[in-house]
Amino acid sequence: MLEEIISVTADRLVGETARIKVEGYRFVTMSCVETGENEIEILYHFDKDLKLIHFLLRVSKDTPVPSISPVWFSAFLVENEIQDLFGIRFAGLVLDYE
């Protein structure tokens, strides 16, 4: 199984996920970890033909993260969970449980 990690910025995140959707990738899930008192890293995991691509986003907790749920509807579940567990906000969630 091949893997690739690509660093992305918040302003490019949604566009990059839309691009790989068109290329035939599927959304797998997301992972989140605190890397400092006010910093987090979010990994977005995608798969196509046993090749995994991971987008790595580094942001501060007080910065709203753009939601990928308009592109990948199922992402709203994980994004809501990350909001609850890490205290960050996703902007543009298609379904926000707050």
PDB file of N, CA and C in Angstrom:
ATOM      1  N   MET A   1       0.853  -1.182   0.000  1.00  0.00           N
ATOM      2  CA  MET A   1       0.000   0.000   0.000  1.00  0.00           C
ATOM      3  C   MET A   1       0.892   1.236   0.000  1.00  0.00           C
ATOM      4  N   LEU A   2       0.670   2.118  -0.923  1.00  0.00           N
ATOM      5  CA  LEU A   2       1.452   3.340  -1.035  1.00  0.00           C
ATOM      6  C   LEU A   2       0.795   4.459  -0.242  1.00  0.00           C
ATOM      7  N   GLU A   3       1.622   5.312   0.352  1.00  0.00           N
ATOM      8  CA  GLU A   3       1.115   6.436   1.130  1.00  0.00           C
ATOM      9  C   GLU A   3       1.869   7.707   0.772  1.00  0.00           C
ATOM     10  N   GLU A   4       1.150   8.818   0.887  1.00  0.00           N
ATOM     11  CA  GLU A   4       1.744  10.124   0.613  1.00  0.00           C
ATOM     12  C   GLU A   4       1.103  11.141   1.548  1.00  0.00           C
ATOM     13  N   ILE A   5       1.914  11.971   2.192  1.00  0.00           N
ATOM     14  CA  ILE A   5       1.415  13.035   3.063  1.00  0.00           C
ATOM     15  C   ILE A   5       1.717  14.368   2.395  1.00  0.00           C
ATOM     16  N   ILE A   6       0.665  15.179   2.230  1.00  0.00           N
ATOM     17  CA  ILE A   6       0.789  16.473   1.556  1.00  0.00           C
ATOM     18  C   ILE A   6       0.341  17.569   2.519  1.00  0.00           C
ATOM     19  N   SER A   7       1.211  18.523   2.807  1.00  0.00           N
ATOM     20  CA  SER A   7       0.834  19.662   3.648  1.00  0.00           C
ATOM     21  C   SER A   7      -0.062  20.594   2.848  1.00  0.00           C
ATOM     22  N   VAL A   8      -1.153  21.037   3.479  1.00  0.00           N
ATOM     23  CA  VAL A   8      -2.068  21.987   2.845  1.00  0.00           C
ATOM     24  C   VAL A   8      -2.322  23.144   3.805  1.00  0.00           C
ATOM     25  N   THR A   9      -2.724  24.261   3.236  1.00  0.00           N
ATOM     26  CA  THR A   9      -3.127  25.412   4.041  1.00  0.00           C
ATOM     27  C   THR A   9      -4.645  25.441   4.096  1.00  0.00           C
ATOM     28  N   ALA A  10      -5.173  26.162   5.062  1.00  0.00           N
ATOM     29  CA  ALA A  10      -6.627  26.234   5.232  1.00  0.00           C
ATOM     30  C   ALA A  10      -7.318  26.777   3.989  1.00  0.00           C
ATOM     31  N   ASP A  11      -6.702  27.740   3.326  1.00  0.00           N
ATOM     32  CA  ASP A  11      -7.348  28.334   2.150  1.00  0.00           C
ATOM     33  C   ASP A  11      -7.335  27.413   0.926  1.00  0.00           C
ATOM     34  N   ARG A  12      -6.504  26.386   0.918  1.00  0.00           N
ATOM     35  CA  ARG A  12      -6.444  25.449  -0.217  1.00  0.00           C
ATOM     36  C   ARG A  12      -7.098  24.109   0.074  1.00  0.00           C
ATOM     37  N   LEU A  13      -7.486  23.878   1.316  1.00  0.00           N
ATOM     38  CA  LEU A  13      -7.984  22.575   1.743  1.00  0.00           C
ATOM     39  C   LEU A  13      -9.187  22.091   0.930  1.00  0.00           C
ATOM     40  N   VAL A  14     -10.235  22.878   0.858  1.00  0.00           N
ATOM     41  CA  VAL A  14     -11.465  22.446   0.184  1.00  0.00           C
ATOM     42  C   VAL A  14     -11.205  22.209  -1.301  1.00  0.00           C
ATOM     43  N   GLY A  15     -10.467  23.088  -1.929  1.00  0.00           N
ATOM     44  CA  GLY A  15     -10.158  22.923  -3.347  1.00  0.00           C
ATOM     45  C   GLY A  15      -9.356  21.665  -3.632  1.00  0.00           C
ATOM     46  N   GLU A  16      -8.387  21.368  -2.774  1.00  0.00           N
ATOM     47  CA  GLU A  16      -7.569  20.168  -2.963  1.00  0.00           C
ATOM     48  C   GLU A  16      -8.394  18.898  -2.759  1.00  0.00           C
ATOM     49  N   THR A  17      -9.290  18.908  -1.770  1.00  0.00           N
ATOM     50  CA  THR A  17     -10.121  17.714  -1.565  1.00  0.00           C
ATOM     51  C   THR A  17     -11.102  17.528  -2.722  1.00  0.00           C
ATOM     52  N   ALA A  18     -11.610  18.621  -3.274  1.00  0.00           N
ATOM     53  CA  ALA A  18     -12.502  18.527  -4.441  1.00  0.00           C
ATOM     54  C   ALA A  18     -11.736  17.978  -5.646  1.00  0.00           C
ATOM     55  N   ARG A  19     -10.498  18.408  -5.796  1.00  0.00           N
ATOM     56  CA  ARG A  19      -9.676  17.942  -6.921  1.00  0.00           C
ATOM     57  C   ARG A  19      -9.470  16.434  -6.882  1.00  0.00           C
ATOM     58  N   ILE A  20      -9.131  15.898  -5.702  1.00  0.00           N
ATOM     59  CA  ILE A  20      -8.882  14.454  -5.659  1.00  0.00           C
ATOM     60  C   ILE A  20     -10.177  13.647  -5.733  1.00  0.00           C
ATOM     61  N   LYS A  21     -11.292  14.254  -5.363  1.00  0.00           N
ATOM     62  CA  LYS A  21     -12.573  13.564  -5.543  1.00  0.00           C
ATOM     63  C   LYS A  21     -12.836  13.334  -7.031  1.00  0.00           C
ATOM     64  N   VAL A  22     -12.567  14.344  -7.824  1.00  0.00           N
ATOM     65  CA  VAL A  22     -12.722  14.226  -9.278  1.00  0.00           C
ATOM     66  C   VAL A  22     -11.772  13.167  -9.840  1.00  0.00           C
ATOM     67  N   GLU A  23     -10.612  13.015  -9.208  1.00  0.00           N
ATOM     68  CA  GLU A  23      -9.639  12.011  -9.651  1.00  0.00           C
ATOM     69  C   GLU A  23     -10.019  10.591  -9.232  1.00  0.00           C
ATOM     70  N   GLY A  24     -11.107  10.435  -8.459  1.00  0.00           N
ATOM     71  CA  GLY A  24     -11.576   9.104  -8.098  1.00  0.00           C
ATOM     72  C   GLY A  24     -11.223   8.626  -6.703  1.00  0.00           C
ATOM     73  N   TYR A  25     -10.654   9.503  -5.880  1.00  0.00           N
ATOM     74  CA  TYR A  25     -10.362   9.120  -4.500  1.00  0.00           C
ATOM     75  C   TYR A  25     -11.637   9.096  -3.678  1.00  0.00           C
ATOM     76  N   ARG A  26     -11.615   8.339  -2.583  1.00  0.00           N
ATOM     77  CA  ARG A  26     -12.739   8.337  -1.648  1.00  0.00           C
ATOM     78  C   ARG A  26     -12.250   8.834  -0.290  1.00  0.00           C
ATOM     79  N   PHE A  27     -13.138   9.503   0.419  1.00  0.00           N
ATOM     80  CA  PHE A  27     -12.834   9.995   1.759  1.00  0.00           C
ATOM     81  C   PHE A  27     -12.884   8.818   2.718  1.00  0.00           C
ATOM     82  N   VAL A  28     -11.833   8.651   3.528  1.00  0.00           N
ATOM     83  CA  VAL A  28     -11.786   7.561   4.502  1.00  0.00           C
ATOM     84  C   VAL A  28     -12.184   8.087   5.880  1.00  0.00           C
ATOM     85  N   THR A  29     -11.402   9.005   6.427  1.00  0.00           N
ATOM     86  CA  THR A  29     -11.691   9.608   7.726  1.00  0.00           C
ATOM     87  C   THR A  29     -10.709  10.756   7.965  1.00  0.00           C
ATOM     88  N   MET A  30     -10.743  11.283   9.181  1.00  0.00           N
ATOM     89  CA  MET A  30      -9.829  12.345   9.602  1.00  0.00           C
ATOM     90  C   MET A  30      -9.262  11.976  10.967  1.00  0.00           C
ATOM     91  N   SER A  31      -8.069  12.484  11.239  1.00  0.00           N
ATOM     92  CA  SER A  31      -7.439  12.332  12.551  1.00  0.00           C
ATOM     93  C   SER A  31      -7.020  13.714  13.028  1.00  0.00           C
ATOM     94  N   CYS A  32      -7.025  13.899  14.347  1.00  0.00           N
ATOM     95  CA  CYS A  32      -6.646  15.189  14.901  1.00  0.00           C
ATOM     96  C   CYS A  32      -5.783  14.959  16.138  1.00  0.00           C
ATOM     97  N   VAL A  33      -4.781  15.819  16.305  1.00  0.00           N
ATOM     98  CA  VAL A  33      -3.914  15.729  17.477  1.00  0.00           C
ATOM     99  C   VAL A  33      -3.496  17.135  17.889  1.00  0.00           C
ATOM    100  N   GLU A  34      -3.425  17.350  19.205  1.00  0.00           N
ATOM    101  CA  GLU A  34      -2.900  18.614  19.724  1.00  0.00           C
ATOM    102  C   GLU A  34      -1.386  18.550  19.683  1.00  0.00           C
ATOM    103  N   THR A  35      -0.787  19.580  19.113  1.00  0.00           N
ATOM    104  CA  THR A  35       0.679  19.613  19.038  1.00  0.00           C
ATOM    105  C   THR A  35       1.259  20.698  19.933  1.00  0.00           C
ATOM    106  N   GLY A  36       0.415  21.430  20.583  1.00  0.00           N
ATOM    107  CA  GLY A  36       0.821  22.486  21.499  1.00  0.00           C
ATOM    108  C   GLY A  36      -0.397  22.962  22.257  1.00  0.00           C
ATOM    109  N   GLU A  37      -0.217  23.918  23.137  1.00  0.00           N
ATOM    110  CA  GLU A  37      -1.323  24.413  23.948  1.00  0.00           C
ATOM    111  C   GLU A  37      -2.456  24.966  23.086  1.00  0.00           C
ATOM    112  N   ASN A  38      -2.108  25.612  21.979  1.00  0.00           N
ATOM    113  CA  ASN A  38      -3.128  26.215  21.126  1.00  0.00           C
ATOM    114  C   ASN A  38      -2.981  25.782  19.661  1.00  0.00           C
ATOM    115  N   GLU A  39      -2.321  24.665  19.414  1.00  0.00           N
ATOM    116  CA  GLU A  39      -2.079  24.211  18.047  1.00  0.00           C
ATOM    117  C   GLU A  39      -2.583  22.791  17.845  1.00  0.00           C
ATOM    118  N   ILE A  40      -3.092  22.537  16.644  1.00  0.00           N
ATOM    119  CA  ILE A  40      -3.536  21.193  16.290  1.00  0.00           C
ATOM    120  C   ILE A  40      -3.048  20.850  14.892  1.00  0.00           C
ATOM    121  N   GLU A  41      -3.017  19.557  14.629  1.00  0.00           N
ATOM    122  CA  GLU A  41      -2.792  19.038  13.288  1.00  0.00           C
ATOM    123  C   GLU A  41      -3.979  18.149  12.945  1.00  0.00           C
ATOM    124  N   ILE A  42      -4.501  18.334  11.755  1.00  0.00           N
ATOM    125  CA  ILE A  42      -5.583  17.492  11.266  1.00  0.00           C
ATOM    126  C   ILE A  42      -5.079  16.767  10.023  1.00  0.00           C
ATOM    127  N   LEU A  43      -5.233  15.453  10.028  1.00  0.00           N
ATOM    128  CA  LEU A  43      -4.903  14.635   8.871  1.00  0.00           C
ATOM    129  C   LEU A  43      -6.201  14.186   8.207  1.00  0.00           C
ATOM    130  N   TYR A  44      -6.295  14.426   6.914  1.00  0.00           N
ATOM    131  CA  TYR A  44      -7.434  14.005   6.104  1.00  0.00           C
ATOM    132  C   TYR A  44      -6.972  12.804   5.292  1.00  0.00           C
ATOM    133  N   HIS A  45      -7.676  11.669   5.403  1.00  0.00           N
ATOM    134  CA  HIS A  45      -7.239  10.429   4.782  1.00  0.00           C
ATOM    135  C   HIS A  45      -8.135  10.074   3.587  1.00  0.00           C
ATOM    136  N   PHE A  46      -7.500   9.778   2.446  1.00  0.00           N
ATOM    137  CA  PHE A  46      -8.211   9.435   1.216  1.00  0.00           C
ATOM    138  C   PHE A  46      -7.571   8.193   0.597  1.00  0.00           C
ATOM    139  N   ASP A  47      -8.366   7.441  -0.169  1.00  0.00           N
ATOM    140  CA  ASP A  47      -7.906   6.182  -0.752  1.00  0.00           C
ATOM    141  C   ASP A  47      -8.356   6.062  -2.201  1.00  0.00           C
ATOM    142  N   LYS A  48      -7.476   5.482  -3.019  1.00  0.00           N
ATOM    143  CA  LYS A  48      -7.832   5.107  -4.391  1.00  0.00           C
ATOM    144  C   LYS A  48      -6.931   3.944  -4.798  1.00  0.00           C
ATOM    145  N   ASP A  49      -7.535   2.818  -5.097  1.00  0.00           N
ATOM    146  CA  ASP A  49      -6.774   1.653  -5.574  1.00  0.00           C
ATOM    147  C   ASP A  49      -5.597   1.307  -4.665  1.00  0.00           C
ATOM    148  N   LEU A  50      -5.850   1.246  -3.371  1.00  0.00           N
ATOM    149  CA  LEU A  50      -4.849   0.915  -2.355  1.00  0.00           C
ATOM    150  C   LEU A  50      -3.727   1.945  -2.242  1.00  0.00           C
ATOM    151  N   LYS A  51      -3.948   3.142  -2.747  1.00  0.00           N
ATOM    152  CA  LYS A  51      -3.008   4.242  -2.542  1.00  0.00           C
ATOM    153  C   LYS A  51      -3.667   5.230  -1.583  1.00  0.00           C
ATOM    154  N   LEU A  52      -2.988   5.538  -0.493  1.00  0.00           N
ATOM    155  CA  LEU A  52      -3.501   6.479   0.493  1.00  0.00           C
ATOM    156  C   LEU A  52      -2.842   7.834   0.307  1.00  0.00           C
ATOM    157  N   ILE A  53      -3.665   8.863   0.355  1.00  0.00           N
ATOM    158  CA  ILE A  53      -3.177  10.239   0.377  1.00  0.00           C
ATOM    159  C   ILE A  53      -3.671  10.859   1.671  1.00  0.00           C
ATOM    160  N   HIS A  54      -2.797  11.566   2.351  1.00  0.00           N
ATOM    161  CA  HIS A  54      -3.143  12.241   3.590  1.00  0.00           C
ATOM    162  C   HIS A  54      -2.834  13.719   3.418  1.00  0.00           C
ATOM    163  N   PHE A  55      -3.818  14.569   3.665  1.00  0.00           N
ATOM    164  CA  PHE A  55      -3.584  16.009   3.683  1.00  0.00           C
ATOM    165  C   PHE A  55      -3.351  16.408   5.129  1.00  0.00           C
ATOM    166  N   LEU A  56      -2.267  17.122   5.387  1.00  0.00           N
ATOM    167  CA  LEU A  56      -1.914  17.564   6.732  1.00  0.00           C
ATOM    168  C   LEU A  56      -2.162  19.061   6.844  1.00  0.00           C
ATOM    169  N   LEU A  57      -3.027  19.432   7.774  1.00  0.00           N
ATOM    170  CA  LEU A  57      -3.353  20.835   8.032  1.00  0.00           C
ATOM    171  C   LEU A  57      -2.929  21.183   9.442  1.00  0.00           C
ATOM    172  N   ARG A  58      -2.105  22.228   9.587  1.00  0.00           N
ATOM    173  CA  ARG A  58      -1.670  22.715  10.901  1.00  0.00           C
ATOM    174  C   ARG A  58      -2.316  24.076  11.137  1.00  0.00           C
ATOM    175  N   VAL A  59      -3.066  24.202  12.249  1.00  0.00           N
ATOM    176  CA  VAL A  59      -3.735  25.469  12.561  1.00  0.00           C
ATOM    177  C   VAL A  59      -3.760  25.692  14.067  1.00  0.00           C
ATOM    178  N   SER A  60      -4.030  26.932  14.460  1.00  0.00           N
ATOM    179  CA  SER A  60      -4.248  27.220  15.873  1.00  0.00           C
ATOM    180  C   SER A  60      -5.710  26.915  16.197  1.00  0.00           C
ATOM    181  N   LYS A  61      -5.965  26.598  17.459  1.00  0.00           N
ATOM    182  CA  LYS A  61      -7.314  26.210  17.877  1.00  0.00           C
ATOM    183  C   LYS A  61      -8.340  27.324  17.705  1.00  0.00           C
ATOM    184  N   ASP A  62      -7.902  28.564  17.744  1.00  0.00           N
ATOM    185  CA  ASP A  62      -8.847  29.671  17.637  1.00  0.00           C
ATOM    186  C   ASP A  62      -9.138  30.076  16.188  1.00  0.00           C
ATOM    187  N   THR A  63      -8.541  29.372  15.228  1.00  0.00           N
ATOM    188  CA  THR A  63      -8.779  29.638  13.813  1.00  0.00           C
ATOM    189  C   THR A  63      -9.850  28.693  13.285  1.00  0.00           C
ATOM    190  N   PRO A  64     -10.966  29.200  12.750  1.00  0.00           N
ATOM    191  CA  PRO A  64     -11.965  28.296  12.162  1.00  0.00           C
ATOM    192  C   PRO A  64     -11.369  27.543  10.967  1.00  0.00           C
ATOM    193  N   VAL A  65     -11.627  26.263  10.920  1.00  0.00           N
ATOM    194  CA  VAL A  65     -11.127  25.405   9.852  1.00  0.00           C
ATOM    195  C   VAL A  65     -12.236  25.245   8.817  1.00  0.00           C
ATOM    196  N   PRO A  66     -11.941  25.406   7.536  1.00  0.00           N
ATOM    197  CA  PRO A  66     -12.989  25.217   6.532  1.00  0.00           C
ATOM    198  C   PRO A  66     -13.447  23.759   6.498  1.00  0.00           C
ATOM    199  N   SER A  67     -14.738  23.556   6.487  1.00  0.00           N
ATOM    200  CA  SER A  67     -15.300  22.215   6.440  1.00  0.00           C
ATOM    201  C   SER A  67     -15.193  21.648   5.029  1.00  0.00           C
ATOM    202  N   ILE A  68     -14.865  20.357   4.933  1.00  0.00           N
ATOM    203  CA  ILE A  68     -14.871  19.699   3.641  1.00  0.00           C
ATOM    204  C   ILE A  68     -16.204  18.991   3.391  1.00  0.00           C
ATOM    205  N   SER A  69     -17.158  19.138   4.319  1.00  0.00           N
ATOM    206  CA  SER A  69     -18.445  18.451   4.168  1.00  0.00           C
ATOM    207  C   SER A  69     -19.258  18.899   2.948  1.00  0.00           C
ATOM    208  N   PRO A  70     -19.080  20.120   2.417  1.00  0.00           N
ATOM    209  CA  PRO A  70     -19.772  20.417   1.164  1.00  0.00           C
ATOM    210  C   PRO A  70     -19.269  19.561  -0.008  1.00  0.00           C
ATOM    211  N   VAL A  71     -18.027  19.080   0.076  1.00  0.00           N
ATOM    212  CA  VAL A  71     -17.462  18.219  -0.969  1.00  0.00           C
ATOM    213  C   VAL A  71     -17.688  16.755  -0.611  1.00  0.00           C
ATOM    214  N   TRP A  72     -17.393  16.400   0.615  1.00  0.00           N
ATOM    215  CA  TRP A  72     -17.522  15.027   1.122  1.00  0.00           C
ATOM    216  C   TRP A  72     -18.536  15.059   2.263  1.00  0.00           C
ATOM    217  N   PHE A  73     -19.796  14.829   1.975  1.00  0.00           N
ATOM    218  CA  PHE A  73     -20.870  14.975   2.958  1.00  0.00           C
ATOM    219  C   PHE A  73     -20.578  14.208   4.249  1.00  0.00           C
ATOM    220  N   SER A  74     -20.061  13.002   4.136  1.00  0.00           N
ATOM    221  CA  SER A  74     -19.826  12.167   5.320  1.00  0.00           C
ATOM    222  C   SER A  74     -18.803  12.766   6.279  1.00  0.00           C
ATOM    223  N   ALA A  75     -18.021  13.729   5.839  1.00  0.00           N
ATOM    224  CA  ALA A  75     -17.021  14.348   6.713  1.00  0.00           C
ATOM    225  C   ALA A  75     -17.665  15.105   7.869  1.00  0.00           C
ATOM    226  N   PHE A  76     -18.946  15.474   7.743  1.00  0.00           N
ATOM    227  CA  PHE A  76     -19.588  16.229   8.823  1.00  0.00           C
ATOM    228  C   PHE A  76     -19.581  15.452  10.132  1.00  0.00           C
ATOM    229  N   LEU A  77     -19.620  14.128  10.072  1.00  0.00           N
ATOM    230  CA  LEU A  77     -19.609  13.317  11.293  1.00  0.00           C
ATOM    231  C   LEU A  77     -18.285  13.484  12.050  1.00  0.00           C
ATOM    232  N   VAL A  78     -17.188  13.340  11.351  1.00  0.00           N
ATOM    233  CA  VAL A  78     -15.867  13.444  11.987  1.00  0.00           C
ATOM    234  C   VAL A  78     -15.589  14.885  12.401  1.00  0.00           C
ATOM    235  N   GLU A  79     -15.983  15.842  11.572  1.00  0.00           N
ATOM    236  CA  GLU A  79     -15.747  17.241  11.921  1.00  0.00           C
ATOM    237  C   GLU A  79     -16.508  17.639  13.183  1.00  0.00           C
ATOM    238  N   ASN A  80     -17.725  17.173  13.348  1.00  0.00           N
ATOM    239  CA  ASN A  80     -18.476  17.446  14.580  1.00  0.00           C
ATOM    240  C   ASN A  80     -17.787  16.801  15.788  1.00  0.00           C
ATOM    241  N   GLU A  81     -17.285  15.600  15.610  1.00  0.00           N
ATOM    242  CA  GLU A  81     -16.585  14.915  16.699  1.00  0.00           C
ATOM    243  C   GLU A  81     -15.311  15.664  17.091  1.00  0.00           C
ATOM    244  N   ILE A  82     -14.562  16.136  16.113  1.00  0.00           N
ATOM    245  CA  ILE A  82     -13.339  16.891  16.393  1.00  0.00           C
ATOM    246  C   ILE A  82     -13.677  18.204  17.092  1.00  0.00           C
ATOM    247  N   GLN A  83     -14.762  18.847  16.692  1.00  0.00           N
ATOM    248  CA  GLN A  83     -15.193  20.070  17.391  1.00  0.00           C
ATOM    249  C   GLN A  83     -15.429  19.775  18.867  1.00  0.00           C
ATOM    250  N   ASP A  84     -16.130  18.676  19.154  1.00  0.00           N
ATOM    251  CA  ASP A  84     -16.435  18.314  20.537  1.00  0.00           C
ATOM    252  C   ASP A  84     -15.185  17.973  21.341  1.00  0.00           C
ATOM    253  N   LEU A  85     -14.276  17.240  20.744  1.00  0.00           N
ATOM    254  CA  LEU A  85     -13.113  16.749  21.480  1.00  0.00           C
ATOM    255  C   LEU A  85     -11.975  17.759  21.601  1.00  0.00           C
ATOM    256  N   PHE A  86     -11.820  18.639  20.607  1.00  0.00           N
ATOM    257  CA  PHE A  86     -10.661  19.531  20.582  1.00  0.00           C
ATOM    258  C   PHE A  86     -11.014  21.010  20.714  1.00  0.00           C
ATOM    259  N   GLY A  87     -12.305  21.338  20.708  1.00  0.00           N
ATOM    260  CA  GLY A  87     -12.719  22.717  20.919  1.00  0.00           C
ATOM    261  C   GLY A  87     -12.435  23.661  19.764  1.00  0.00           C
ATOM    262  N   ILE A  88     -12.271  23.121  18.571  1.00  0.00           N
ATOM    263  CA  ILE A  88     -12.094  23.990  17.407  1.00  0.00           C
ATOM    264  C   ILE A  88     -13.421  24.096  16.657  1.00  0.00           C
ATOM    265  N   ARG A  89     -13.506  25.012  15.700  1.00  0.00           N
ATOM    266  CA  ARG A  89     -14.734  25.206  14.921  1.00  0.00           C
ATOM    267  C   ARG A  89     -14.448  24.943  13.449  1.00  0.00           C
ATOM    268  N   PHE A  90     -15.400  24.288  12.797  1.00  0.00           N
ATOM    269  CA  PHE A  90     -15.349  24.102  11.349  1.00  0.00           C
ATOM    270  C   PHE A  90     -16.347  25.054  10.722  1.00  0.00           C
ATOM    271  N   ALA A  91     -15.888  25.878   9.812  1.00  0.00           N
ATOM    272  CA  ALA A  91     -16.730  26.850   9.125  1.00  0.00           C
ATOM    273  C   ALA A  91     -17.368  26.195   7.907  1.00  0.00           C
ATOM    274  N   GLY A  92     -18.700  26.336   7.780  1.00  0.00           N
ATOM    275  CA  GLY A  92     -19.400  25.822   6.617  1.00  0.00           C
ATOM    276  C   GLY A  92     -19.839  24.381   6.708  1.00  0.00           C
ATOM    277  N   LEU A  93     -19.898  23.823   7.903  1.00  0.00           N
ATOM    278  CA  LEU A  93     -20.388  22.455   8.071  1.00  0.00           C
ATOM    279  C   LEU A  93     -21.800  22.313   7.507  1.00  0.00           C
ATOM    280  N   VAL A  94     -22.048  21.245   6.763  1.00  0.00           N
ATOM    281  CA  VAL A  94     -23.393  21.058   6.211  1.00  0.00           C
ATOM    282  C   VAL A  94     -24.404  20.688   7.294  1.00  0.00           C
ATOM    283  N   LEU A  95     -23.934  20.093   8.369  1.00  0.00           N
ATOM    284  CA  LEU A  95     -24.776  19.735   9.502  1.00  0.00           C
ATOM    285  C   LEU A  95     -23.942  19.896  10.762  1.00  0.00           C
ATOM    286  N   ASP A  96     -24.211  20.953  11.526  1.00  0.00           N
ATOM    287  CA  ASP A  96     -23.394  21.291  12.694  1.00  0.00           C
ATOM    288  C   ASP A  96     -24.174  20.995  13.963  1.00  0.00           C
ATOM    289  N   TYR A  97     -23.728  19.983  14.722  1.00  0.00           N
ATOM    290  CA  TYR A  97     -24.391  19.613  15.976  1.00  0.00           C
ATOM    291  C   TYR A  97     -23.992  20.517  17.133  1.00  0.00           C
ATOM    292  N   GLU A  98     -22.984  21.344  16.940  1.00  0.00           N
ATOM    293  CA  GLU A  98     -22.448  22.238  17.964  1.00  0.00           C
ATOM    294  C   GLU A  98     -22.226  21.496  19.254  1.00  0.00           C
TER     295      GLU A  98
END
